């Protein structure tokens, strides 16, 4: 078999890693920590593209179109995690931001052999979601060679769908409308892209989505205001955030949240505009949070 991956940075040998077996625990941990420095440099180098990707994400979300993360293996899992974490954090609709992994949900916990090499599978998976103009597809592929991802991006790009690619290797040619290459070099354990590649990808996704949610008025001065209080921790956070924003005691904040049915945005309007729950709820759907503080 011809090795088409030989020249990929993430498949190259990490020279210092060749001595891992003879190192003690302290030396290995130092090597791990020192190896993370390149992640920050790579993120800074891609600053402008991170801004562009976040703008695309925001505009798609603002226009009520859908956003899809698609990938295989670790890359696919990271996309699914990102999609899953946005609803409880920012109150997004679970059907507006969707994570798709090669091999389906089973692949989240078990490797599905061959799925990432299937050129047609990604397109078929997305066709089930009836992709429309205005939607956004964010492909994630550490190698930049994953056919499941690349074929899908190329297919939909030709049809006028917005596309973004996140990779940790150099690309020989343009794949999507916006390609982000985070070049973090060989992995400590050669080819194990769950290491630096996975870390820089997760950070990049955090930046892209969080910037978009800030622009979408989902955050007020570093505080979440559209939390879905589905757990005790999230309810406690709702109480704490509301108390900080309105300068209330925790007890007063909780009473107000109960009246607002645990909606921080509505609670702020009820308090500041002296409105009933019904009127505050209606107002919350049209008035930017910055105009009610």
C-alpha atoms as a PDB file:
ATOM      1  CA  UNK A   1       0.000   0.000   0.000  1.00  0.00           C
ATOM      2  CA  UNK A   2       1.232   3.485  -0.853  1.00  0.00           C
ATOM      3  CA  UNK A   3       1.702   5.668   2.226  1.00  0.00           C
ATOM      4  CA  UNK A   4      -0.187   8.856   1.388  1.00  0.00           C
ATOM      5  CA  UNK A   5       0.269  10.127   4.927  1.00  0.00           C
ATOM      6  CA  UNK A   6       4.058   9.936   5.164  1.00  0.00           C
ATOM      7  CA  UNK A   7       4.636  13.677   4.792  1.00  0.00           C
ATOM      8  CA  UNK A   8       1.956  14.820   7.230  1.00  0.00           C
ATOM      9  CA  UNK A   9       3.415  16.699  10.202  1.00  0.00           C
ATOM     10  CA  UNK A  10       1.171  14.826  12.617  1.00  0.00           C
ATOM     11  CA  UNK A  11       2.509  11.490  11.330  1.00  0.00           C
ATOM     12  CA  UNK A  12       6.164  12.462  11.588  1.00  0.00           C
ATOM     13  CA  UNK A  13       8.335  11.273  14.446  1.00  0.00           C
ATOM     14  CA  UNK A  14       8.697  13.515  17.482  1.00  0.00           C
ATOM     15  CA  UNK A  15      12.448  13.234  18.001  1.00  0.00           C
ATOM     16  CA  UNK A  16      12.446  13.735  21.759  1.00  0.00           C
ATOM     17  CA  UNK A  17       9.674  11.174  21.985  1.00  0.00           C
ATOM     18  CA  UNK A  18      12.039   8.459  20.802  1.00  0.00           C
ATOM     19  CA  UNK A  19      13.490   8.421  24.314  1.00  0.00           C
ATOM     20  CA  UNK A  20      10.132   8.190  26.125  1.00  0.00           C
ATOM     21  CA  UNK A  21      10.618   4.589  27.226  1.00  0.00           C
ATOM     22  CA  UNK A  22      13.799   5.477  29.116  1.00  0.00           C
ATOM     23  CA  UNK A  23      12.414   8.623  30.777  1.00  0.00           C
ATOM     24  CA  UNK A  24      11.018   8.854  34.304  1.00  0.00           C
ATOM     25  CA  UNK A  25       7.567  10.307  35.010  1.00  0.00           C
ATOM     26  CA  UNK A  26       8.866  13.797  35.793  1.00  0.00           C
ATOM     27  CA  UNK A  27      10.761  14.001  32.510  1.00  0.00           C
ATOM     28  CA  UNK A  28       7.761  12.809  30.496  1.00  0.00           C
ATOM     29  CA  UNK A  29       5.433  15.357  32.100  1.00  0.00           C
ATOM     30  CA  UNK A  30       7.944  18.160  31.456  1.00  0.00           C
ATOM     31  CA  UNK A  31       8.122  17.063  27.834  1.00  0.00           C
ATOM     32  CA  UNK A  32       4.314  17.085  27.578  1.00  0.00           C
ATOM     33  CA  UNK A  33       4.037  20.562  29.095  1.00  0.00           C
ATOM     34  CA  UNK A  34       6.830  22.073  26.981  1.00  0.00           C
ATOM     35  CA  UNK A  35       5.245  20.605  23.866  1.00  0.00           C
ATOM     36  CA  UNK A  36       2.065  22.621  24.447  1.00  0.00           C
ATOM     37  CA  UNK A  37       3.744  25.971  23.746  1.00  0.00           C
ATOM     38  CA  UNK A  38       3.326  25.561  19.996  1.00  0.00           C
ATOM     39  CA  UNK A  39      -0.466  25.461  20.417  1.00  0.00           C
ATOM     40  CA  UNK A  40      -0.584  29.092  21.538  1.00  0.00           C
ATOM     41  CA  UNK A  41       1.690  30.186  18.685  1.00  0.00           C
ATOM     42  CA  UNK A  42      -0.500  28.389  16.149  1.00  0.00           C
ATOM     43  CA  UNK A  43      -3.673  29.996  17.506  1.00  0.00           C
ATOM     44  CA  UNK A  44      -2.122  33.471  17.355  1.00  0.00           C
ATOM     45  CA  UNK A  45      -0.966  32.865  13.789  1.00  0.00           C
ATOM     46  CA  UNK A  46      -4.555  32.055  12.805  1.00  0.00           C
ATOM     47  CA  UNK A  47      -6.130  35.003  14.638  1.00  0.00           C
ATOM     48  CA  UNK A  48      -7.621  36.646  11.534  1.00  0.00           C
ATOM     49  CA  UNK A  49      -9.089  33.378  10.301  1.00  0.00           C
ATOM     50  CA  UNK A  50     -10.541  32.649  13.743  1.00  0.00           C
ATOM     51  CA  UNK A  51     -12.286  36.023  13.592  1.00  0.00           C
ATOM     52  CA  UNK A  52     -13.612  35.242  10.097  1.00  0.00           C
ATOM     53  CA  UNK A  53     -14.833  31.788  11.152  1.00  0.00           C
ATOM     54  CA  UNK A  54     -16.616  33.267  14.161  1.00  0.00           C
ATOM     55  CA  UNK A  55     -18.266  35.929  11.969  1.00  0.00           C
ATOM     56  CA  UNK A  56     -19.551  33.237   9.605  1.00  0.00           C
ATOM     57  CA  UNK A  57     -20.824  31.220  12.575  1.00  0.00           C
ATOM     58  CA  UNK A  58     -22.555  34.266  14.069  1.00  0.00           C
ATOM     59  CA  UNK A  59     -24.222  35.343  10.825  1.00  0.00           C
ATOM     60  CA  UNK A  60     -25.468  31.815  10.214  1.00  0.00           C
ATOM     61  CA  UNK A  61     -26.902  31.605  13.724  1.00  0.00           C
ATOM     62  CA  UNK A  62     -28.406  35.105  13.554  1.00  0.00           C
ATOM     63  CA  UNK A  63     -30.183  34.237  10.299  1.00  0.00           C
ATOM     64  CA  UNK A  64     -31.761  31.173  11.937  1.00  0.00           C
ATOM     65  CA  UNK A  65     -29.878  28.838   9.618  1.00  0.00           C
ATOM     66  CA  UNK A  66     -28.211  25.669  10.867  1.00  0.00           C
ATOM     67  CA  UNK A  67     -24.605  24.861  11.666  1.00  0.00           C
ATOM     68  CA  UNK A  68     -23.135  21.388  11.293  1.00  0.00           C
ATOM     69  CA  UNK A  69     -19.861  20.060  12.705  1.00  0.00           C
ATOM     70  CA  UNK A  70     -18.672  16.997  10.830  1.00  0.00           C
ATOM     71  CA  UNK A  71     -15.659  14.776  11.444  1.00  0.00           C
ATOM     72  CA  UNK A  72     -14.321  11.287  12.142  1.00  0.00           C
ATOM     73  CA  UNK A  73     -12.647   9.822  15.215  1.00  0.00           C
ATOM     74  CA  UNK A  74     -11.328  12.395  17.698  1.00  0.00           C
ATOM     75  CA  UNK A  75     -12.178  15.243  15.309  1.00  0.00           C
ATOM     76  CA  UNK A  76     -15.756  14.042  15.039  1.00  0.00           C
ATOM     77  CA  UNK A  77     -16.101  13.673  18.793  1.00  0.00           C
ATOM     78  CA  UNK A  78     -14.861  17.214  19.346  1.00  0.00           C
ATOM     79  CA  UNK A  79     -17.502  18.535  16.942  1.00  0.00           C
ATOM     80  CA  UNK A  80     -20.262  16.571  18.670  1.00  0.00           C
ATOM     81  CA  UNK A  81     -19.097  17.839  22.076  1.00  0.00           C
ATOM     82  CA  UNK A  82     -19.173  21.441  20.859  1.00  0.00           C
ATOM     83  CA  UNK A  83     -22.696  21.077  19.499  1.00  0.00           C
ATOM     84  CA  UNK A  84     -23.881  19.353  22.687  1.00  0.00           C
ATOM     85  CA  UNK A  85     -22.460  21.971  25.045  1.00  0.00           C
ATOM     86  CA  UNK A  86     -23.930  25.070  23.404  1.00  0.00           C
ATOM     87  CA  UNK A  87     -27.628  24.583  24.366  1.00  0.00           C
ATOM     88  CA  UNK A  88     -27.135  24.399  28.167  1.00  0.00           C
ATOM     89  CA  UNK A  89     -24.486  27.135  28.104  1.00  0.00           C
ATOM     90  CA  UNK A  90     -26.088  29.645  25.748  1.00  0.00           C
ATOM     91  CA  UNK A  91     -29.677  28.479  25.408  1.00  0.00           C
ATOM     92  CA  UNK A  92     -29.335  27.575  21.723  1.00  0.00           C
ATOM     93  CA  UNK A  93     -31.766  25.207  20.049  1.00  0.00           C
ATOM     94  CA  UNK A  94     -30.369  21.670  19.859  1.00  0.00           C
ATOM     95  CA  UNK A  95     -31.619  21.437  16.275  1.00  0.00           C
ATOM     96  CA  UNK A  96     -29.785  24.567  15.107  1.00  0.00           C
ATOM     97  CA  UNK A  97     -26.224  23.430  15.882  1.00  0.00           C
ATOM     98  CA  UNK A  98     -25.598  19.762  15.138  1.00  0.00           C
ATOM     99  CA  UNK A  99     -22.601  17.465  15.473  1.00  0.00           C
ATOM    100  CA  UNK A 100     -22.193  14.552  13.053  1.00  0.00           C
ATOM    101  CA  UNK A 101     -19.520  11.869  13.402  1.00  0.00           C
ATOM    102  CA  UNK A 102     -18.526   9.206  10.881  1.00  0.00           C
ATOM    103  CA  UNK A 103     -20.118   5.938  11.983  1.00  0.00           C
ATOM    104  CA  UNK A 104     -22.936   7.601  13.908  1.00  0.00           C
ATOM    105  CA  UNK A 105     -23.413   7.926  17.662  1.00  0.00           C
ATOM    106  CA  UNK A 106     -21.852   4.519  18.272  1.00  0.00           C
ATOM    107  CA  UNK A 107     -18.551   5.993  17.075  1.00  0.00           C
ATOM    108  CA  UNK A 108     -18.560   8.359  20.058  1.00  0.00           C
ATOM    109  CA  UNK A 109     -17.455   5.498  22.291  1.00  0.00           C
ATOM    110  CA  UNK A 110     -16.253   2.835  19.844  1.00  0.00           C
ATOM    111  CA  UNK A 111     -14.011   3.165  16.796  1.00  0.00           C
ATOM    112  CA  UNK A 112     -15.920   2.420  13.580  1.00  0.00           C
ATOM    113  CA  UNK A 113     -13.387   1.039  11.127  1.00  0.00           C
ATOM    114  CA  UNK A 114     -13.394   2.428   7.590  1.00  0.00           C
ATOM    115  CA  UNK A 115     -15.991   5.142   8.170  1.00  0.00           C
ATOM    116  CA  UNK A 116     -13.518   8.002   7.756  1.00  0.00           C
ATOM    117  CA  UNK A 117     -12.382   6.722   4.334  1.00  0.00           C
ATOM    118  CA  UNK A 118     -15.907   6.590   2.906  1.00  0.00           C
ATOM    119  CA  UNK A 119     -16.227   9.412   0.335  1.00  0.00           C
ATOM    120  CA  UNK A 120     -20.006   9.223   0.114  1.00  0.00           C
ATOM    121  CA  UNK A 121     -20.976   8.670   3.745  1.00  0.00           C
ATOM    122  CA  UNK A 122     -20.619  12.292   4.878  1.00  0.00           C
ATOM    123  CA  UNK A 123     -22.701  13.599   2.001  1.00  0.00           C
ATOM    124  CA  UNK A 124     -25.355  10.969   2.719  1.00  0.00           C
ATOM    125  CA  UNK A 125     -25.382  11.842   6.430  1.00  0.00           C
ATOM    126  CA  UNK A 126     -25.933  15.522   5.689  1.00  0.00           C
ATOM    127  CA  UNK A 127     -28.527  14.900   2.994  1.00  0.00           C
ATOM    128  CA  UNK A 128     -30.711  13.412   5.721  1.00  0.00           C
ATOM    129  CA  UNK A 129     -30.675  16.857   7.324  1.00  0.00           C
ATOM    130  CA  UNK A 130     -31.849  18.551   4.112  1.00  0.00           C
ATOM    131  CA  UNK A 131     -29.079  21.133   3.884  1.00  0.00           C
ATOM    132  CA  UNK A 132     -30.262  24.528   2.637  1.00  0.00           C
ATOM    133  CA  UNK A 133     -28.651  27.734   1.395  1.00  0.00           C
ATOM    134  CA  UNK A 134     -27.536  29.729   4.391  1.00  0.00           C
ATOM    135  CA  UNK A 135     -26.516  26.677   6.413  1.00  0.00           C
ATOM    136  CA  UNK A 136     -22.890  26.252   7.501  1.00  0.00           C
ATOM    137  CA  UNK A 137     -20.774  23.090   7.502  1.00  0.00           C
ATOM    138  CA  UNK A 138     -17.634  23.039   9.647  1.00  0.00           C
ATOM    139  CA  UNK A 139     -15.451  20.080   8.774  1.00  0.00           C
ATOM    140  CA  UNK A 140     -12.805  18.899  11.248  1.00  0.00           C
ATOM    141  CA  UNK A 141      -9.911  16.738  10.069  1.00  0.00           C
ATOM    142  CA  UNK A 142      -6.555  16.644  11.846  1.00  0.00           C
ATOM    143  CA  UNK A 143      -4.858  15.067   8.832  1.00  0.00           C
ATOM    144  CA  UNK A 144      -6.594  17.265   6.281  1.00  0.00           C
ATOM    145  CA  UNK A 145      -7.041  14.066   4.280  1.00  0.00           C
ATOM    146  CA  UNK A 146     -10.150  12.494   5.807  1.00  0.00           C
ATOM    147  CA  UNK A 147     -12.362  11.655   2.826  1.00  0.00           C
ATOM    148  CA  UNK A 148     -15.507  11.576   4.971  1.00  0.00           C
ATOM    149  CA  UNK A 149     -14.932  15.267   5.692  1.00  0.00           C
ATOM    150  CA  UNK A 150     -13.220  16.574   2.561  1.00  0.00           C
ATOM    151  CA  UNK A 151     -15.632  14.997   0.093  1.00  0.00           C
ATOM    152  CA  UNK A 152     -18.550  16.427   2.035  1.00  0.00           C
ATOM    153  CA  UNK A 153     -17.114  19.941   2.123  1.00  0.00           C
ATOM    154  CA  UNK A 154     -16.263  19.895  -1.580  1.00  0.00           C
ATOM    155  CA  UNK A 155     -19.704  18.551  -2.505  1.00  0.00           C
ATOM    156  CA  UNK A 156     -21.615  21.237  -0.619  1.00  0.00           C
ATOM    157  CA  UNK A 157     -19.195  24.057  -1.446  1.00  0.00           C
ATOM    158  CA  UNK A 158     -19.943  23.466  -5.145  1.00  0.00           C
ATOM    159  CA  UNK A 159     -23.626  23.859  -4.308  1.00  0.00           C
ATOM    160  CA  UNK A 160     -23.198  27.230  -2.643  1.00  0.00           C
ATOM    161  CA  UNK A 161     -23.294  26.069   0.981  1.00  0.00           C
ATOM    162  CA  UNK A 162     -20.932  27.863   3.367  1.00  0.00           C
ATOM    163  CA  UNK A 163     -18.021  25.653   4.429  1.00  0.00           C
ATOM    164  CA  UNK A 164     -15.124  25.849   6.899  1.00  0.00           C
ATOM    165  CA  UNK A 165     -12.303  23.362   7.490  1.00  0.00           C
ATOM    166  CA  UNK A 166     -10.238  22.982  10.652  1.00  0.00           C
ATOM    167  CA  UNK A 167      -7.058  20.915  10.285  1.00  0.00           C
ATOM    168  CA  UNK A 168      -3.625  20.568  11.907  1.00  0.00           C
ATOM    169  CA  UNK A 169      -1.681  19.851   8.726  1.00  0.00           C
ATOM    170  CA  UNK A 170      -0.703  21.797   5.624  1.00  0.00           C
ATOM    171  CA  UNK A 171      -3.157  21.603   2.747  1.00  0.00           C
ATOM    172  CA  UNK A 172      -1.975  21.086  -0.829  1.00  0.00           C
ATOM    173  CA  UNK A 173      -4.993  22.972  -2.151  1.00  0.00           C
ATOM    174  CA  UNK A 174      -7.995  24.952  -0.925  1.00  0.00           C
ATOM    175  CA  UNK A 175     -10.782  22.728   0.390  1.00  0.00           C
ATOM    176  CA  UNK A 176     -13.491  24.965   1.867  1.00  0.00           C
ATOM    177  CA  UNK A 177     -14.502  28.627   1.778  1.00  0.00           C
ATOM    178  CA  UNK A 178     -12.277  29.142   4.818  1.00  0.00           C
ATOM    179  CA  UNK A 179      -9.457  26.726   5.681  1.00  0.00           C
ATOM    180  CA  UNK A 180      -7.852  27.015   9.125  1.00  0.00           C
ATOM    181  CA  UNK A 181      -4.563  25.115   9.480  1.00  0.00           C
ATOM    182  CA  UNK A 182      -3.188  24.931  13.016  1.00  0.00           C
ATOM    183  CA  UNK A 183       0.325  23.602  12.466  1.00  0.00           C
ATOM    184  CA  UNK A 184       1.355  22.130  15.806  1.00  0.00           C
ATOM    185  CA  UNK A 185       3.880  19.680  14.376  1.00  0.00           C
ATOM    186  CA  UNK A 186       4.609  16.030  15.225  1.00  0.00           C
ATOM    187  CA  UNK A 187       2.822  14.513  18.200  1.00  0.00           C
ATOM    188  CA  UNK A 188       4.670  13.335  21.302  1.00  0.00           C
ATOM    189  CA  UNK A 189       3.452   9.879  20.343  1.00  0.00           C
ATOM    190  CA  UNK A 190       3.704   9.924  16.564  1.00  0.00           C
ATOM    191  CA  UNK A 191       0.311   9.989  14.874  1.00  0.00           C
ATOM    192  CA  UNK A 192      -1.715  10.327  18.085  1.00  0.00           C
ATOM    193  CA  UNK A 193      -3.772  13.343  17.069  1.00  0.00           C
ATOM    194  CA  UNK A 194      -5.838  13.183  20.252  1.00  0.00           C
ATOM    195  CA  UNK A 195      -2.873  15.071  21.778  1.00  0.00           C
ATOM    196  CA  UNK A 196      -1.828  18.540  20.484  1.00  0.00           C
ATOM    197  CA  UNK A 197      -4.071  18.324  17.434  1.00  0.00           C
ATOM    198  CA  UNK A 198      -7.076  17.567  19.593  1.00  0.00           C
ATOM    199  CA  UNK A 199      -6.212  20.303  22.077  1.00  0.00           C
ATOM    200  CA  UNK A 200      -5.740  23.071  19.515  1.00  0.00           C
ATOM    201  CA  UNK A 201      -8.919  22.005  17.721  1.00  0.00           C
ATOM    202  CA  UNK A 202     -10.951  22.166  20.939  1.00  0.00           C
ATOM    203  CA  UNK A 203      -9.535  25.619  21.770  1.00  0.00           C
ATOM    204  CA  UNK A 204     -10.271  26.854  18.242  1.00  0.00           C
ATOM    205  CA  UNK A 205     -13.856  25.617  18.481  1.00  0.00           C
ATOM    206  CA  UNK A 206     -14.217  27.281  21.886  1.00  0.00           C
ATOM    207  CA  UNK A 207     -13.046  30.594  20.417  1.00  0.00           C
ATOM    208  CA  UNK A 208     -15.214  30.436  17.295  1.00  0.00           C
ATOM    209  CA  UNK A 209     -18.451  29.511  19.048  1.00  0.00           C
ATOM    210  CA  UNK A 210     -17.996  31.659  22.156  1.00  0.00           C
ATOM    211  CA  UNK A 211     -17.175  34.790  20.130  1.00  0.00           C
ATOM    212  CA  UNK A 212     -20.310  34.182  18.078  1.00  0.00           C
ATOM    213  CA  UNK A 213     -22.467  33.749  21.175  1.00  0.00           C
ATOM    214  CA  UNK A 214     -21.088  36.950  22.708  1.00  0.00           C
ATOM    215  CA  UNK A 215     -22.070  38.821  19.523  1.00  0.00           C
ATOM    216  CA  UNK A 216     -25.487  37.170  19.704  1.00  0.00           C
ATOM    217  CA  UNK A 217     -26.057  38.788  23.134  1.00  0.00           C
ATOM    218  CA  UNK A 218     -25.860  35.451  24.944  1.00  0.00           C
ATOM    219  CA  UNK A 219     -23.313  36.870  27.390  1.00  0.00           C
ATOM    220  CA  UNK A 220     -23.362  39.982  29.565  1.00  0.00           C
ATOM    221  CA  UNK A 221     -19.980  41.133  30.879  1.00  0.00           C
ATOM    222  CA  UNK A 222     -18.642  37.605  31.089  1.00  0.00           C
ATOM    223  CA  UNK A 223     -21.816  36.128  32.589  1.00  0.00           C
ATOM    224  CA  UNK A 224     -24.123  33.627  30.882  1.00  0.00           C
ATOM    225  CA  UNK A 225     -27.674  34.941  30.630  1.00  0.00           C
ATOM    226  CA  UNK A 226     -29.409  32.227  28.610  1.00  0.00           C
ATOM    227  CA  UNK A 227     -28.546  29.233  30.793  1.00  0.00           C
ATOM    228  CA  UNK A 228     -30.909  26.278  30.717  1.00  0.00           C
ATOM    229  CA  UNK A 229     -31.135  25.403  34.433  1.00  0.00           C
ATOM    230  CA  UNK A 230     -31.373  21.634  34.062  1.00  0.00           C
ATOM    231  CA  UNK A 231     -29.107  20.792  37.032  1.00  0.00           C
ATOM    232  CA  UNK A 232     -28.500  22.094  40.545  1.00  0.00           C
ATOM    233  CA  UNK A 233     -25.176  23.552  39.393  1.00  0.00           C
ATOM    234  CA  UNK A 234     -26.833  25.462  36.557  1.00  0.00           C
ATOM    235  CA  UNK A 235     -29.634  26.722  38.813  1.00  0.00           C
ATOM    236  CA  UNK A 236     -27.034  27.930  41.320  1.00  0.00           C
ATOM    237  CA  UNK A 237     -25.233  29.691  38.472  1.00  0.00           C
ATOM    238  CA  UNK A 238     -28.478  31.359  37.393  1.00  0.00           C
ATOM    239  CA  UNK A 239     -29.015  32.678  40.922  1.00  0.00           C
ATOM    240  CA  UNK A 240     -25.422  33.888  41.236  1.00  0.00           C
ATOM    241  CA  UNK A 241     -25.324  35.577  37.819  1.00  0.00           C
ATOM    242  CA  UNK A 242     -28.654  37.320  38.325  1.00  0.00           C
ATOM    243  CA  UNK A 243     -27.550  38.545  41.755  1.00  0.00           C
ATOM    244  CA  UNK A 244     -24.336  39.996  40.284  1.00  0.00           C
ATOM    245  CA  UNK A 245     -26.062  41.667  37.338  1.00  0.00           C
ATOM    246  CA  UNK A 246     -28.839  43.240  39.425  1.00  0.00           C
ATOM    247  CA  UNK A 247     -26.858  43.721  42.643  1.00  0.00           C
ATOM    248  CA  UNK A 248     -29.292  41.569  44.621  1.00  0.00           C
ATOM    249  CA  UNK A 249     -28.818  39.118  47.459  1.00  0.00           C
ATOM    250  CA  UNK A 250     -28.819  35.467  46.456  1.00  0.00           C
ATOM    251  CA  UNK A 251     -32.171  35.018  48.193  1.00  0.00           C
ATOM    252  CA  UNK A 252     -33.747  37.933  46.331  1.00  0.00           C
ATOM    253  CA  UNK A 253     -32.245  36.660  43.077  1.00  0.00           C
ATOM    254  CA  UNK A 254     -33.732  33.199  43.543  1.00  0.00           C
ATOM    255  CA  UNK A 255     -37.201  34.603  44.260  1.00  0.00           C
ATOM    256  CA  UNK A 256     -37.015  36.736  41.121  1.00  0.00           C
ATOM    257  CA  UNK A 257     -35.885  33.766  39.031  1.00  0.00           C
ATOM    258  CA  UNK A 258     -38.764  31.667  40.291  1.00  0.00           C
ATOM    259  CA  UNK A 259     -41.144  34.401  39.129  1.00  0.00           C
ATOM    260  CA  UNK A 260     -39.367  34.538  35.752  1.00  0.00           C
ATOM    261  CA  UNK A 261     -39.473  30.736  35.421  1.00  0.00           C
ATOM    262  CA  UNK A 262     -35.684  30.599  35.704  1.00  0.00           C
ATOM    263  CA  UNK A 263     -35.071  32.837  32.719  1.00  0.00           C
ATOM    264  CA  UNK A 264     -32.275  35.313  33.586  1.00  0.00           C
ATOM    265  CA  UNK A 265     -33.036  37.586  30.643  1.00  0.00           C
ATOM    266  CA  UNK A 266     -36.709  37.810  31.631  1.00  0.00           C
ATOM    267  CA  UNK A 267     -35.780  38.290  35.294  1.00  0.00           C
ATOM    268  CA  UNK A 268     -33.616  41.314  34.402  1.00  0.00           C
ATOM    269  CA  UNK A 269     -36.449  42.899  32.411  1.00  0.00           C
ATOM    270  CA  UNK A 270     -39.014  42.224  35.148  1.00  0.00           C
ATOM    271  CA  UNK A 271     -36.727  43.901  37.683  1.00  0.00           C
ATOM    272  CA  UNK A 272     -35.493  46.854  35.605  1.00  0.00           C
ATOM    273  CA  UNK A 273     -38.661  47.607  33.644  1.00  0.00           C
ATOM    274  CA  UNK A 274     -41.129  46.689  36.400  1.00  0.00           C
ATOM    275  CA  UNK A 275     -42.937  44.332  34.016  1.00  0.00           C
ATOM    276  CA  UNK A 276     -45.046  41.238  34.510  1.00  0.00           C
ATOM    277  CA  UNK A 277     -43.616  37.891  33.459  1.00  0.00           C
ATOM    278  CA  UNK A 278     -45.775  37.803  30.327  1.00  0.00           C
ATOM    279  CA  UNK A 279     -44.734  41.283  29.165  1.00  0.00           C
ATOM    280  CA  UNK A 280     -41.097  40.704  30.082  1.00  0.00           C
ATOM    281  CA  UNK A 281     -41.030  37.445  28.150  1.00  0.00           C
ATOM    282  CA  UNK A 282     -42.398  39.187  25.060  1.00  0.00           C
ATOM    283  CA  UNK A 283     -39.898  42.035  25.426  1.00  0.00           C
ATOM    284  CA  UNK A 284     -36.972  39.642  25.896  1.00  0.00           C
ATOM    285  CA  UNK A 285     -37.449  38.294  22.385  1.00  0.00           C
ATOM    286  CA  UNK A 286     -36.840  41.657  20.736  1.00  0.00           C
ATOM    287  CA  UNK A 287     -34.828  43.864  23.063  1.00  0.00           C
ATOM    288  CA  UNK A 288     -31.009  43.444  23.172  1.00  0.00           C
ATOM    289  CA  UNK A 289     -29.783  42.733  26.688  1.00  0.00           C
ATOM    290  CA  UNK A 290     -27.576  45.842  26.627  1.00  0.00           C
ATOM    291  CA  UNK A 291     -30.677  48.043  26.422  1.00  0.00           C
ATOM    292  CA  UNK A 292     -32.279  46.750  29.613  1.00  0.00           C
ATOM    293  CA  UNK A 293     -29.403  47.040  32.067  1.00  0.00           C
END
